[in-house]
Amino acid sequence: MATKGEETRQFIIEKAAPIFNTKGIAATAMSDIMEATKLSKGSLYVHFENKEVLACAAVDYNMKVLGDKLLVKISKFKTAKDQLFAYIDFFSNAVNPPLKGGCPLLNFGTEADDTNPVVKEKINKGIQLNQQLLENTIKKGIDKGEFKPQWNAAEFAIMVFAMMEGAHLMSRMSGNNDNMNIITNVLKKMIEENSL
């Protein structure tokens, strides 16, 4: 059982996470968190030493929620090919993304690359986990005879991640999914070309 303090801390993180993901770390004020939680500044500081500590917890929370949702989606499929398609489909609607504010890897990564080494490292680990998931899925498909044995799993994993994140940014900026639709179609075609 969680203590009252642990419950309050979790409540603050859950309320703060979408705010940080939407506004960014620098633009989010503790007053934004106070408004969302209906807690006093003193209550917030009982649970979090400062905004940076809360921001780091919010980054972790956003990535965990996103990762959990992704794994639920992928686990519904048995074949490696269907799992790759599910990964692509999960991220395919940048205008209405799985998390409020868009992709936390892109949002926090862009903000933290030169300003916040702690968040930068968290995002780098998140990127590596995504690439590893894709690479492992392809290798599993090769082992089961779904994909061509010469398909470079590591290379394609990097390509999927980079192309999806780039398309996510472009689609968020344009306000429509046209760019994302092109990228998802290209990636699915490449998966088909490497399928047996």
N, C-alpha and C. Protein backbone atom coordinates (compact mmCIF):
# COMPACT_ATOMS: atom_id res chain seq x y z
N MET A 1 0.83 -1.20 0.00
CA MET A 1 0.00 0.00 0.00
C MET A 1 0.87 1.26 0.00
N ALA A 2 0.51 2.18 -0.87
CA ALA A 2 1.24 3.45 -0.92
C ALA A 2 0.82 4.33 0.26
N THR A 3 1.76 5.07 0.78
CA THR A 3 1.46 6.01 1.86
C THR A 3 0.73 7.22 1.27
N LYS A 4 0.14 8.01 2.14
CA LYS A 4 -0.55 9.24 1.70
C LYS A 4 0.42 10.15 0.95
N GLY A 5 1.64 10.25 1.47
CA GLY A 5 2.66 11.07 0.80
C GLY A 5 3.01 10.56 -0.58
N GLU A 6 3.13 9.23 -0.72
CA GLU A 6 3.44 8.63 -2.03
C GLU A 6 2.29 8.83 -3.01
N GLU A 7 1.06 8.72 -2.49
CA GLU A 7 -0.13 8.94 -3.33
C GLU A 7 -0.18 10.39 -3.83
N THR A 8 0.11 11.33 -2.94
CA THR A 8 0.11 12.75 -3.31
C THR A 8 1.20 13.03 -4.34
N ARG A 9 2.38 12.44 -4.11
CA ARG A 9 3.50 12.62 -5.04
C ARG A 9 3.11 12.11 -6.44
N GLN A 10 2.49 10.93 -6.49
CA GLN A 10 2.06 10.34 -7.76
C GLN A 10 0.98 11.21 -8.42
N PHE A 11 0.06 11.71 -7.64
CA PHE A 11 -1.00 12.59 -8.13
C PHE A 11 -0.39 13.84 -8.79
N ILE A 12 0.61 14.42 -8.14
CA ILE A 12 1.27 15.62 -8.68
C ILE A 12 1.93 15.29 -10.02
N ILE A 13 2.64 14.17 -10.07
CA ILE A 13 3.33 13.76 -11.31
C ILE A 13 2.32 13.57 -12.43
N GLU A 14 1.21 12.87 -12.14
CA GLU A 14 0.20 12.60 -13.17
C GLU A 14 -0.45 13.88 -13.69
N LYS A 15 -0.63 14.86 -12.83
CA LYS A 15 -1.21 16.14 -13.26
C LYS A 15 -0.18 17.00 -14.00
N ALA A 16 1.08 16.91 -13.56
CA ALA A 16 2.14 17.74 -14.14
C ALA A 16 2.62 17.21 -15.49
N ALA A 17 2.60 15.90 -15.67
CA ALA A 17 3.19 15.29 -16.87
C ALA A 17 2.65 15.86 -18.18
N PRO A 18 1.32 15.92 -18.37
CA PRO A 18 0.84 16.49 -19.64
C PRO A 18 1.15 17.97 -19.81
N ILE A 19 1.26 18.69 -18.70
CA ILE A 19 1.60 20.13 -18.79
C ILE A 19 3.03 20.29 -19.29
N PHE A 20 3.96 19.56 -18.69
CA PHE A 20 5.35 19.62 -19.13
C PHE A 20 5.48 19.16 -20.59
N ASN A 21 4.73 18.12 -20.97
CA ASN A 21 4.83 17.59 -22.34
C ASN A 21 4.26 18.57 -23.36
N THR A 22 3.29 19.38 -22.93
CA THR A 22 2.66 20.34 -23.84
C THR A 22 3.42 21.67 -23.88
N LYS A 23 3.77 22.19 -22.71
CA LYS A 23 4.40 23.52 -22.63
C LYS A 23 5.93 23.48 -22.67
N GLY A 24 6.50 22.33 -22.30
CA GLY A 24 7.95 22.24 -22.18
C GLY A 24 8.37 22.51 -20.74
N ILE A 25 9.58 22.12 -20.41
CA ILE A 25 10.08 22.29 -19.04
C ILE A 25 10.28 23.77 -18.72
N ALA A 26 10.95 24.50 -19.61
CA ALA A 26 11.27 25.91 -19.34
C ALA A 26 10.00 26.76 -19.21
N ALA A 27 9.00 26.49 -20.03
CA ALA A 27 7.79 27.32 -20.05
C ALA A 27 6.76 26.93 -18.99
N THR A 28 6.95 25.78 -18.36
CA THR A 28 6.02 25.37 -17.31
C THR A 28 6.42 26.01 -15.99
N ALA A 29 5.48 26.68 -15.37
CA ALA A 29 5.73 27.32 -14.07
C ALA A 29 5.11 26.48 -12.97
N MET A 30 5.63 26.62 -11.76
CA MET A 30 5.04 25.90 -10.63
C MET A 30 3.59 26.33 -10.43
N SER A 31 3.26 27.56 -10.83
CA SER A 31 1.86 28.02 -10.72
C SER A 31 0.94 27.20 -11.64
N ASP A 32 1.46 26.73 -12.78
CA ASP A 32 0.68 25.84 -13.66
C ASP A 32 0.35 24.54 -12.94
N ILE A 33 1.35 24.01 -12.22
CA ILE A 33 1.17 22.76 -11.49
C ILE A 33 0.22 22.98 -10.31
N MET A 34 0.35 24.12 -9.64
CA MET A 34 -0.55 24.45 -8.53
C MET A 34 -2.00 24.51 -9.01
N GLU A 35 -2.20 25.12 -10.16
CA GLU A 35 -3.55 25.24 -10.72
C GLU A 35 -4.12 23.87 -11.06
N ALA A 36 -3.30 23.01 -11.65
CA ALA A 36 -3.76 21.67 -12.06
C ALA A 36 -4.03 20.75 -10.88
N THR A 37 -3.23 20.89 -9.83
CA THR A 37 -3.34 19.99 -8.67
C THR A 37 -4.22 20.57 -7.56
N LYS A 38 -4.44 21.89 -7.60
CA LYS A 38 -5.16 22.61 -6.53
C LYS A 38 -4.40 22.51 -5.19
N LEU A 39 -3.07 22.38 -5.30
CA LEU A 39 -2.21 22.32 -4.11
C LEU A 39 -1.43 23.63 -3.99
N SER A 40 -1.03 23.95 -2.78
CA SER A 40 -0.23 25.15 -2.55
C SER A 40 1.22 24.90 -2.98
N LYS A 41 1.94 25.99 -3.19
CA LYS A 41 3.36 25.88 -3.54
C LYS A 41 4.12 25.11 -2.46
N GLY A 42 3.79 25.38 -1.20
CA GLY A 42 4.43 24.68 -0.10
C GLY A 42 4.21 23.18 -0.15
N SER A 43 2.98 22.77 -0.51
CA SER A 43 2.66 21.34 -0.63
C SER A 43 3.47 20.70 -1.75
N LEU A 44 3.63 21.41 -2.86
CA LEU A 44 4.42 20.88 -3.97
C LEU A 44 5.87 20.68 -3.55
N TYR A 45 6.41 21.67 -2.84
CA TYR A 45 7.82 21.60 -2.44
C TYR A 45 8.08 20.58 -1.32
N VAL A 46 7.03 20.14 -0.64
CA VAL A 46 7.18 19.04 0.33
C VAL A 46 7.57 17.76 -0.43
N HIS A 47 6.99 17.59 -1.64
CA HIS A 47 7.17 16.36 -2.41
C HIS A 47 8.27 16.46 -3.46
N PHE A 48 8.56 17.67 -3.92
CA PHE A 48 9.58 17.87 -4.96
C PHE A 48 10.46 19.06 -4.57
N GLU A 49 11.74 18.82 -4.52
CA GLU A 49 12.71 19.84 -4.08
C GLU A 49 12.62 21.11 -4.92
N ASN A 50 12.41 20.93 -6.22
CA ASN A 50 12.30 22.07 -7.13
C ASN A 50 11.63 21.63 -8.43
N LYS A 51 11.45 22.57 -9.34
CA LYS A 51 10.78 22.28 -10.61
C LYS A 51 11.55 21.25 -11.43
N GLU A 52 12.89 21.29 -11.38
CA GLU A 52 13.70 20.35 -12.16
C GLU A 52 13.45 18.91 -11.74
N VAL A 53 13.35 18.69 -10.42
CA VAL A 53 13.10 17.34 -9.90
C VAL A 53 11.72 16.85 -10.37
N LEU A 54 10.73 17.73 -10.29
CA LEU A 54 9.39 17.39 -10.76
C LEU A 54 9.39 17.15 -12.27
N ALA A 55 10.10 17.98 -13.01
CA ALA A 55 10.18 17.82 -14.47
C ALA A 55 10.76 16.45 -14.83
N CYS A 56 11.82 16.04 -14.14
CA CYS A 56 12.43 14.73 -14.41
C CYS A 56 11.45 13.60 -14.14
N ALA A 57 10.68 13.73 -13.04
CA ALA A 57 9.66 12.72 -12.72
C ALA A 57 8.57 12.71 -13.79
N ALA A 58 8.23 13.89 -14.31
CA ALA A 58 7.20 14.00 -15.36
C ALA A 58 7.69 13.39 -16.67
N VAL A 59 8.97 13.58 -16.98
CA VAL A 59 9.56 12.98 -18.18
C VAL A 59 9.47 11.45 -18.08
N ASP A 60 9.90 10.91 -16.93
CA ASP A 60 9.84 9.46 -16.71
C ASP A 60 8.41 8.95 -16.84
N TYR A 61 7.48 9.68 -16.25
CA TYR A 61 6.07 9.27 -16.27
C TYR A 61 5.52 9.28 -17.70
N ASN A 62 5.78 10.36 -18.44
CA ASN A 62 5.30 10.44 -19.83
C ASN A 62 5.85 9.29 -20.66
N MET A 63 7.13 8.99 -20.50
CA MET A 63 7.73 7.90 -21.30
C MET A 63 7.19 6.54 -20.89
N LYS A 64 6.93 6.36 -19.60
CA LYS A 64 6.36 5.08 -19.13
C LYS A 64 4.95 4.90 -19.67
N VAL A 65 4.13 5.93 -19.59
CA VAL A 65 2.75 5.84 -20.10
C VAL A 65 2.76 5.54 -21.59
N LEU A 66 3.60 6.25 -22.33
CA LEU A 66 3.70 6.02 -23.78
C LEU A 66 4.17 4.60 -24.06
N GLY A 67 5.21 4.15 -23.36
CA GLY A 67 5.75 2.80 -23.56
C GLY A 67 4.73 1.73 -23.23
N ASP A 68 4.00 1.91 -22.13
CA ASP A 68 2.97 0.93 -21.74
C ASP A 68 1.87 0.84 -22.78
N LYS A 69 1.42 2.00 -23.28
CA LYS A 69 0.37 2.01 -24.32
C LYS A 69 0.87 1.31 -25.58
N LEU A 70 2.11 1.57 -25.95
CA LEU A 70 2.70 0.96 -27.14
C LEU A 70 2.76 -0.56 -26.99
N LEU A 71 3.24 -1.03 -25.85
CA LEU A 71 3.36 -2.48 -25.64
C LEU A 71 2.00 -3.18 -25.64
N VAL A 72 0.98 -2.52 -25.11
CA VAL A 72 -0.38 -3.08 -25.15
C VAL A 72 -0.82 -3.25 -26.60
N LYS A 73 -0.56 -2.23 -27.41
CA LYS A 73 -0.95 -2.26 -28.83
C LYS A 73 -0.20 -3.38 -29.56
N ILE A 74 1.11 -3.45 -29.37
CA ILE A 74 1.93 -4.44 -30.08
C ILE A 74 1.59 -5.87 -29.64
N SER A 75 1.32 -6.05 -28.36
CA SER A 75 1.09 -7.40 -27.81
C SER A 75 -0.18 -8.06 -28.35
N LYS A 76 -1.03 -7.28 -29.00
CA LYS A 76 -2.26 -7.84 -29.58
C LYS A 76 -1.97 -8.64 -30.85
N PHE A 77 -0.74 -8.55 -31.36
CA PHE A 77 -0.39 -9.20 -32.61
C PHE A 77 0.66 -10.29 -32.39
N LYS A 78 0.56 -11.35 -33.19
CA LYS A 78 1.44 -12.50 -33.00
C LYS A 78 2.68 -12.45 -33.90
N THR A 79 2.49 -12.08 -35.16
CA THR A 79 3.63 -12.11 -36.08
C THR A 79 4.48 -10.85 -35.94
N ALA A 80 5.76 -10.99 -36.26
CA ALA A 80 6.69 -9.86 -36.20
C ALA A 80 6.25 -8.76 -37.17
N LYS A 81 5.81 -9.16 -38.33
CA LYS A 81 5.36 -8.18 -39.34
C LYS A 81 4.19 -7.36 -38.81
N ASP A 82 3.20 -8.04 -38.24
CA ASP A 82 2.04 -7.32 -37.69
C ASP A 82 2.45 -6.41 -36.53
N GLN A 83 3.44 -6.85 -35.74
CA GLN A 83 3.92 -6.03 -34.64
C GLN A 83 4.63 -4.77 -35.14
N LEU A 84 5.40 -4.89 -36.22
CA LEU A 84 6.04 -3.71 -36.82
C LEU A 84 4.99 -2.75 -37.35
N PHE A 85 3.97 -3.30 -38.02
CA PHE A 85 2.88 -2.46 -38.52
C PHE A 85 2.16 -1.77 -37.36
N ALA A 86 1.96 -2.50 -36.25
CA ALA A 86 1.28 -1.93 -35.08
C ALA A 86 2.10 -0.80 -34.48
N TYR A 87 3.44 -0.96 -34.45
CA TYR A 87 4.32 0.10 -33.95
C TYR A 87 4.12 1.36 -34.80
N ILE A 88 4.17 1.20 -36.10
CA ILE A 88 4.02 2.34 -37.02
C ILE A 88 2.64 2.98 -36.86
N ASP A 89 1.59 2.14 -36.80
CA ASP A 89 0.23 2.65 -36.66
C ASP A 89 0.03 3.41 -35.35
N PHE A 90 0.69 2.92 -34.29
CA PHE A 90 0.55 3.55 -32.98
C PHE A 90 0.98 5.02 -33.02
N PHE A 91 2.03 5.31 -33.77
CA PHE A 91 2.56 6.67 -33.84
C PHE A 91 2.09 7.45 -35.08
N SER A 92 1.16 6.87 -35.85
CA SER A 92 0.85 7.42 -37.17
C SER A 92 -0.04 8.66 -37.17
N ASN A 93 -0.67 8.98 -36.03
CA ASN A 93 -1.54 10.16 -36.01
C ASN A 93 -0.90 11.24 -35.13
N ALA A 94 -0.05 12.03 -35.76
CA ALA A 94 0.68 13.08 -35.02
C ALA A 94 -0.22 14.22 -34.57
N VAL A 95 -1.31 14.44 -35.31
CA VAL A 95 -2.23 15.53 -34.97
C VAL A 95 -3.05 15.15 -33.73
N ASN A 96 -3.32 13.86 -33.57
CA ASN A 96 -4.04 13.37 -32.39
C ASN A 96 -3.20 12.23 -31.78
N PRO A 97 -2.08 12.59 -31.12
CA PRO A 97 -1.11 11.59 -30.68
C PRO A 97 -1.56 10.80 -29.45
N PRO A 98 -0.87 9.68 -29.16
CA PRO A 98 -1.22 8.85 -28.00
C PRO A 98 -1.11 9.60 -26.66
N LEU A 99 -0.25 10.62 -26.59
CA LEU A 99 -0.12 11.43 -25.37
C LEU A 99 -0.43 12.88 -25.67
N LYS A 100 -1.11 13.54 -24.73
CA LYS A 100 -1.41 14.96 -24.89
C LYS A 100 -0.10 15.74 -25.04
N GLY A 101 -0.02 16.55 -26.08
CA GLY A 101 1.17 17.35 -26.32
C GLY A 101 2.12 16.76 -27.35
N GLY A 102 1.89 15.50 -27.71
CA GLY A 102 2.75 14.87 -28.72
C GLY A 102 3.77 13.91 -28.11
N CYS A 103 4.76 13.60 -28.90
CA CYS A 103 5.77 12.61 -28.49
C CYS A 103 6.73 13.21 -27.46
N PRO A 104 6.79 12.63 -26.25
CA PRO A 104 7.69 13.18 -25.24
C PRO A 104 9.17 13.05 -25.60
N LEU A 105 9.51 12.04 -26.38
CA LEU A 105 10.91 11.88 -26.80
C LEU A 105 11.32 13.08 -27.66
N LEU A 106 10.46 13.45 -28.58
CA LEU A 106 10.73 14.58 -29.46
C LEU A 106 10.66 15.90 -28.68
N ASN A 107 9.60 16.06 -27.89
CA ASN A 107 9.41 17.31 -27.15
C ASN A 107 10.55 17.58 -26.17
N PHE A 108 10.80 16.63 -25.28
CA PHE A 108 11.83 16.83 -24.25
C PHE A 108 13.23 16.75 -24.84
N GLY A 109 13.41 15.90 -25.84
CA GLY A 109 14.73 15.77 -26.48
C GLY A 109 15.17 17.06 -27.13
N THR A 110 14.24 17.70 -27.84
CA THR A 110 14.56 18.96 -28.52
C THR A 110 14.90 20.04 -27.51
N GLU A 111 14.15 20.07 -26.41
CA GLU A 111 14.38 21.10 -25.40
C GLU A 111 15.65 20.85 -24.59
N ALA A 112 15.92 19.58 -24.30
CA ALA A 112 16.98 19.25 -23.33
C ALA A 112 18.35 19.01 -23.95
N ASP A 113 18.45 18.93 -25.27
CA ASP A 113 19.74 18.51 -25.87
C ASP A 113 20.91 19.41 -25.46
N ASP A 114 20.67 20.70 -25.31
CA ASP A 114 21.75 21.62 -24.92
C ASP A 114 21.59 22.20 -23.52
N THR A 115 20.48 21.87 -22.85
CA THR A 115 20.18 22.58 -21.60
C THR A 115 20.07 21.70 -20.36
N ASN A 116 19.75 20.42 -20.55
CA ASN A 116 19.45 19.59 -19.39
C ASN A 116 20.04 18.19 -19.57
N PRO A 117 21.27 17.96 -19.08
CA PRO A 117 21.92 16.66 -19.30
C PRO A 117 21.18 15.48 -18.68
N VAL A 118 20.46 15.70 -17.59
CA VAL A 118 19.72 14.60 -16.95
C VAL A 118 18.56 14.15 -17.85
N VAL A 119 17.78 15.11 -18.33
CA VAL A 119 16.66 14.78 -19.22
C VAL A 119 17.19 14.25 -20.55
N LYS A 120 18.27 14.83 -21.04
CA LYS A 120 18.88 14.36 -22.29
C LYS A 120 19.21 12.88 -22.20
N GLU A 121 19.78 12.45 -21.08
CA GLU A 121 20.14 11.04 -20.91
C GLU A 121 18.90 10.15 -20.83
N LYS A 122 17.85 10.63 -20.17
CA LYS A 122 16.59 9.88 -20.09
C LYS A 122 16.00 9.67 -21.50
N ILE A 123 16.03 10.72 -22.30
CA ILE A 123 15.48 10.66 -23.65
C ILE A 123 16.34 9.75 -24.53
N ASN A 124 17.66 9.85 -24.38
CA ASN A 124 18.56 9.00 -25.14
C ASN A 124 18.28 7.52 -24.84
N LYS A 125 18.05 7.20 -23.58
CA LYS A 125 17.71 5.82 -23.20
C LYS A 125 16.37 5.40 -23.83
N GLY A 126 15.42 6.33 -23.84
CA GLY A 126 14.12 6.05 -24.45
C GLY A 126 14.23 5.76 -25.94
N ILE A 127 15.08 6.52 -26.62
CA ILE A 127 15.32 6.30 -28.05
C ILE A 127 15.94 4.92 -28.25
N GLN A 128 16.94 4.60 -27.44
CA GLN A 128 17.61 3.30 -27.55
C GLN A 128 16.64 2.14 -27.31
N LEU A 129 15.73 2.30 -26.33
CA LEU A 129 14.74 1.26 -26.05
C LEU A 129 13.81 1.05 -27.24
N ASN A 130 13.39 2.14 -27.87
CA ASN A 130 12.53 2.03 -29.06
C ASN A 130 13.26 1.32 -30.19
N GLN A 131 14.49 1.71 -30.43
CA GLN A 131 15.26 1.08 -31.50
C GLN A 131 15.49 -0.40 -31.21
N GLN A 132 15.76 -0.72 -29.93
CA GLN A 132 15.98 -2.12 -29.55
C GLN A 132 14.72 -2.95 -29.74
N LEU A 133 13.57 -2.37 -29.39
CA LEU A 133 12.29 -3.05 -29.59
C LEU A 133 12.08 -3.39 -31.06
N LEU A 134 12.32 -2.41 -31.93
CA LEU A 134 12.16 -2.62 -33.37
C LEU A 134 13.16 -3.65 -33.89
N GLU A 135 14.41 -3.51 -33.48
CA GLU A 135 15.46 -4.44 -33.92
C GLU A 135 15.15 -5.87 -33.48
N ASN A 136 14.75 -6.05 -32.23
CA ASN A 136 14.42 -7.38 -31.71
C ASN A 136 13.23 -8.00 -32.44
N THR A 137 12.24 -7.16 -32.79
CA THR A 137 11.06 -7.63 -33.51
C THR A 137 11.46 -8.15 -34.89
N ILE A 138 12.33 -7.41 -35.57
CA ILE A 138 12.80 -7.83 -36.89
C ILE A 138 13.61 -9.12 -36.78
N LYS A 139 14.51 -9.19 -35.80
CA LYS A 139 15.33 -10.40 -35.62
C LYS A 139 14.45 -11.62 -35.33
N LYS A 140 13.40 -11.41 -34.52
CA LYS A 140 12.46 -12.49 -34.23
C LYS A 140 11.78 -12.95 -35.52
N GLY A 141 11.41 -11.97 -36.35
CA GLY A 141 10.77 -12.30 -37.63
C GLY A 141 11.71 -13.04 -38.57
N ILE A 142 12.99 -12.67 -38.56
CA ILE A 142 13.99 -13.37 -39.39
C ILE A 142 14.13 -14.81 -38.90
N ASP A 143 14.23 -14.99 -37.57
CA ASP A 143 14.37 -16.33 -36.99
C ASP A 143 13.18 -17.22 -37.30
N LYS A 144 11.99 -16.63 -37.38
CA LYS A 144 10.77 -17.41 -37.65
C LYS A 144 10.47 -17.55 -39.14
N GLY A 145 11.36 -17.01 -39.97
CA GLY A 145 11.18 -17.14 -41.41
C GLY A 145 10.16 -16.18 -42.00
N GLU A 146 9.84 -15.12 -41.28
CA GLU A 146 8.90 -14.11 -41.80
C GLU A 146 9.59 -13.11 -42.72
N PHE A 147 10.86 -12.82 -42.39
CA PHE A 147 11.61 -11.79 -43.12
C PHE A 147 12.86 -12.39 -43.77
N LYS A 148 13.35 -11.69 -44.79
CA LYS A 148 14.58 -12.10 -45.47
C LYS A 148 15.74 -12.10 -44.47
N PRO A 149 16.57 -13.16 -44.49
CA PRO A 149 17.64 -13.27 -43.50
C PRO A 149 18.69 -12.17 -43.60
N GLN A 150 18.85 -11.56 -44.78
CA GLN A 150 19.87 -10.52 -44.95
C GLN A 150 19.40 -9.12 -44.52
N TRP A 151 18.14 -9.01 -44.07
CA TRP A 151 17.61 -7.70 -43.68
C TRP A 151 18.38 -7.19 -42.46
N ASN A 152 18.90 -5.96 -42.55
CA ASN A 152 19.69 -5.36 -41.47
C ASN A 152 18.72 -4.76 -40.44
N ALA A 153 18.51 -5.51 -39.36
CA ALA A 153 17.53 -5.12 -38.34
C ALA A 153 17.90 -3.81 -37.65
N ALA A 154 19.16 -3.67 -37.27
CA ALA A 154 19.60 -2.47 -36.55
C ALA A 154 19.44 -1.21 -37.40
N GLU A 155 19.81 -1.33 -38.67
CA GLU A 155 19.72 -0.20 -39.60
C GLU A 155 18.27 0.23 -39.81
N PHE A 156 17.38 -0.76 -40.01
CA PHE A 156 15.98 -0.43 -40.24
C PHE A 156 15.34 0.17 -38.99
N ALA A 157 15.75 -0.31 -37.82
CA ALA A 157 15.21 0.23 -36.55
C ALA A 157 15.54 1.72 -36.43
N ILE A 158 16.76 2.08 -36.78
CA ILE A 158 17.16 3.50 -36.74
C ILE A 158 16.34 4.30 -37.75
N MET A 159 16.17 3.73 -38.94
CA MET A 159 15.42 4.40 -40.00
C MET A 159 13.96 4.64 -39.59
N VAL A 160 13.33 3.62 -39.02
CA VAL A 160 11.93 3.76 -38.58
C VAL A 160 11.82 4.88 -37.56
N PHE A 161 12.68 4.82 -36.55
CA PHE A 161 12.58 5.82 -35.48
C PHE A 161 12.81 7.23 -36.03
N ALA A 162 13.87 7.41 -36.79
CA ALA A 162 14.20 8.75 -37.32
C ALA A 162 13.12 9.27 -38.26
N MET A 163 12.61 8.42 -39.12
CA MET A 163 11.59 8.85 -40.09
C MET A 163 10.26 9.16 -39.39
N MET A 164 9.89 8.34 -38.41
CA MET A 164 8.63 8.58 -37.70
C MET A 164 8.71 9.87 -36.88
N GLU A 165 9.84 10.09 -36.19
CA GLU A 165 9.98 11.32 -35.39
C GLU A 165 10.01 12.55 -36.29
N GLY A 166 10.70 12.46 -37.41
CA GLY A 166 10.73 13.57 -38.36
C GLY A 166 9.35 13.89 -38.91
N ALA A 167 8.63 12.84 -39.27
CA ALA A 167 7.27 13.01 -39.80
C ALA A 167 6.34 13.55 -38.72
N HIS A 168 6.57 13.13 -37.47
CA HIS A 168 5.76 13.63 -36.35
C HIS A 168 5.94 15.15 -36.22
N LEU A 169 7.18 15.59 -36.26
CA LEU A 169 7.47 17.02 -36.17
C LEU A 169 6.81 17.78 -37.33
N MET A 170 7.00 17.29 -38.54
CA MET A 170 6.44 17.96 -39.71
C MET A 170 4.91 18.04 -39.64
N SER A 171 4.29 16.93 -39.22
CA SER A 171 2.83 16.89 -39.14
C SER A 171 2.30 17.80 -38.05
N ARG A 172 3.01 17.86 -36.90
CA ARG A 172 2.60 18.76 -35.82
C ARG A 172 2.70 20.21 -36.27
N MET A 173 3.73 20.52 -37.05
CA MET A 173 3.91 21.90 -37.51
C MET A 173 2.86 22.29 -38.55
N SER A 174 2.51 21.36 -39.45
CA SER A 174 1.55 21.67 -40.52
C SER A 174 0.11 21.54 -40.04
N GLY A 175 -0.10 20.80 -38.94
CA GLY A 175 -1.45 20.62 -38.44
C GLY A 175 -2.24 19.55 -39.17
N ASN A 176 -1.55 18.76 -39.99
CA ASN A 176 -2.22 17.63 -40.65
C ASN A 176 -1.25 16.45 -40.75
N ASN A 177 -1.79 15.28 -41.07
CA ASN A 177 -0.99 14.05 -41.08
C ASN A 177 -0.44 13.68 -42.46
N ASP A 178 -0.48 14.59 -43.41
CA ASP A 178 -0.05 14.26 -44.77
C ASP A 178 1.38 13.72 -44.82
N ASN A 179 2.30 14.40 -44.15
CA ASN A 179 3.70 13.94 -44.16
C ASN A 179 3.84 12.59 -43.46
N MET A 180 3.14 12.44 -42.34
CA MET A 180 3.19 11.17 -41.61
C MET A 180 2.63 10.03 -42.47
N ASN A 181 1.56 10.29 -43.20
CA ASN A 181 0.97 9.25 -44.05
C ASN A 181 1.96 8.78 -45.11
N ILE A 182 2.72 9.71 -45.67
CA ILE A 182 3.74 9.34 -46.67
C ILE A 182 4.78 8.43 -46.04
N ILE A 183 5.28 8.83 -44.87
CA ILE A 183 6.33 8.06 -44.19
C ILE A 183 5.83 6.68 -43.77
N THR A 184 4.63 6.60 -43.21
CA THR A 184 4.12 5.29 -42.79
C THR A 184 3.95 4.36 -43.99
N ASN A 185 3.49 4.90 -45.10
CA ASN A 185 3.35 4.08 -46.32
C ASN A 185 4.70 3.59 -46.83
N VAL A 186 5.70 4.46 -46.80
CA VAL A 186 7.06 4.08 -47.25
C VAL A 186 7.62 2.97 -46.35
N LEU A 187 7.48 3.14 -45.04
CA LEU A 187 8.02 2.16 -44.10
C LEU A 187 7.30 0.81 -44.23
N LYS A 188 5.99 0.84 -44.39
CA LYS A 188 5.23 -0.41 -44.54
C LYS A 188 5.62 -1.12 -45.85
N LYS A 189 5.86 -0.33 -46.88
CA LYS A 189 6.30 -0.91 -48.16
C LYS A 189 7.66 -1.59 -47.99
N MET A 190 8.56 -0.97 -47.24
CA MET A 190 9.88 -1.56 -46.99
C MET A 190 9.77 -2.85 -46.19
N ILE A 191 8.82 -2.89 -45.24
CA ILE A 191 8.59 -4.13 -44.47
C ILE A 191 8.08 -5.21 -45.41
N GLU A 192 7.14 -4.85 -46.28
CA GLU A 192 6.61 -5.83 -47.25
C GLU A 192 7.72 -6.36 -48.15
N GLU A 193 8.60 -5.47 -48.59
CA GLU A 193 9.69 -5.87 -49.50
C GLU A 193 10.67 -6.82 -48.83
N ASN A 194 10.75 -6.77 -47.50
CA ASN A 194 11.66 -7.65 -46.76
C ASN A 194 10.95 -8.86 -46.17
N SER A 195 9.66 -9.01 -46.49
CA SER A 195 8.89 -10.16 -45.99
C SER A 195 8.97 -11.32 -46.97
N LEU A 196 8.90 -12.52 -46.42
CA LEU A 196 8.95 -13.73 -47.24
C LEU A 196 7.54 -14.29 -47.45
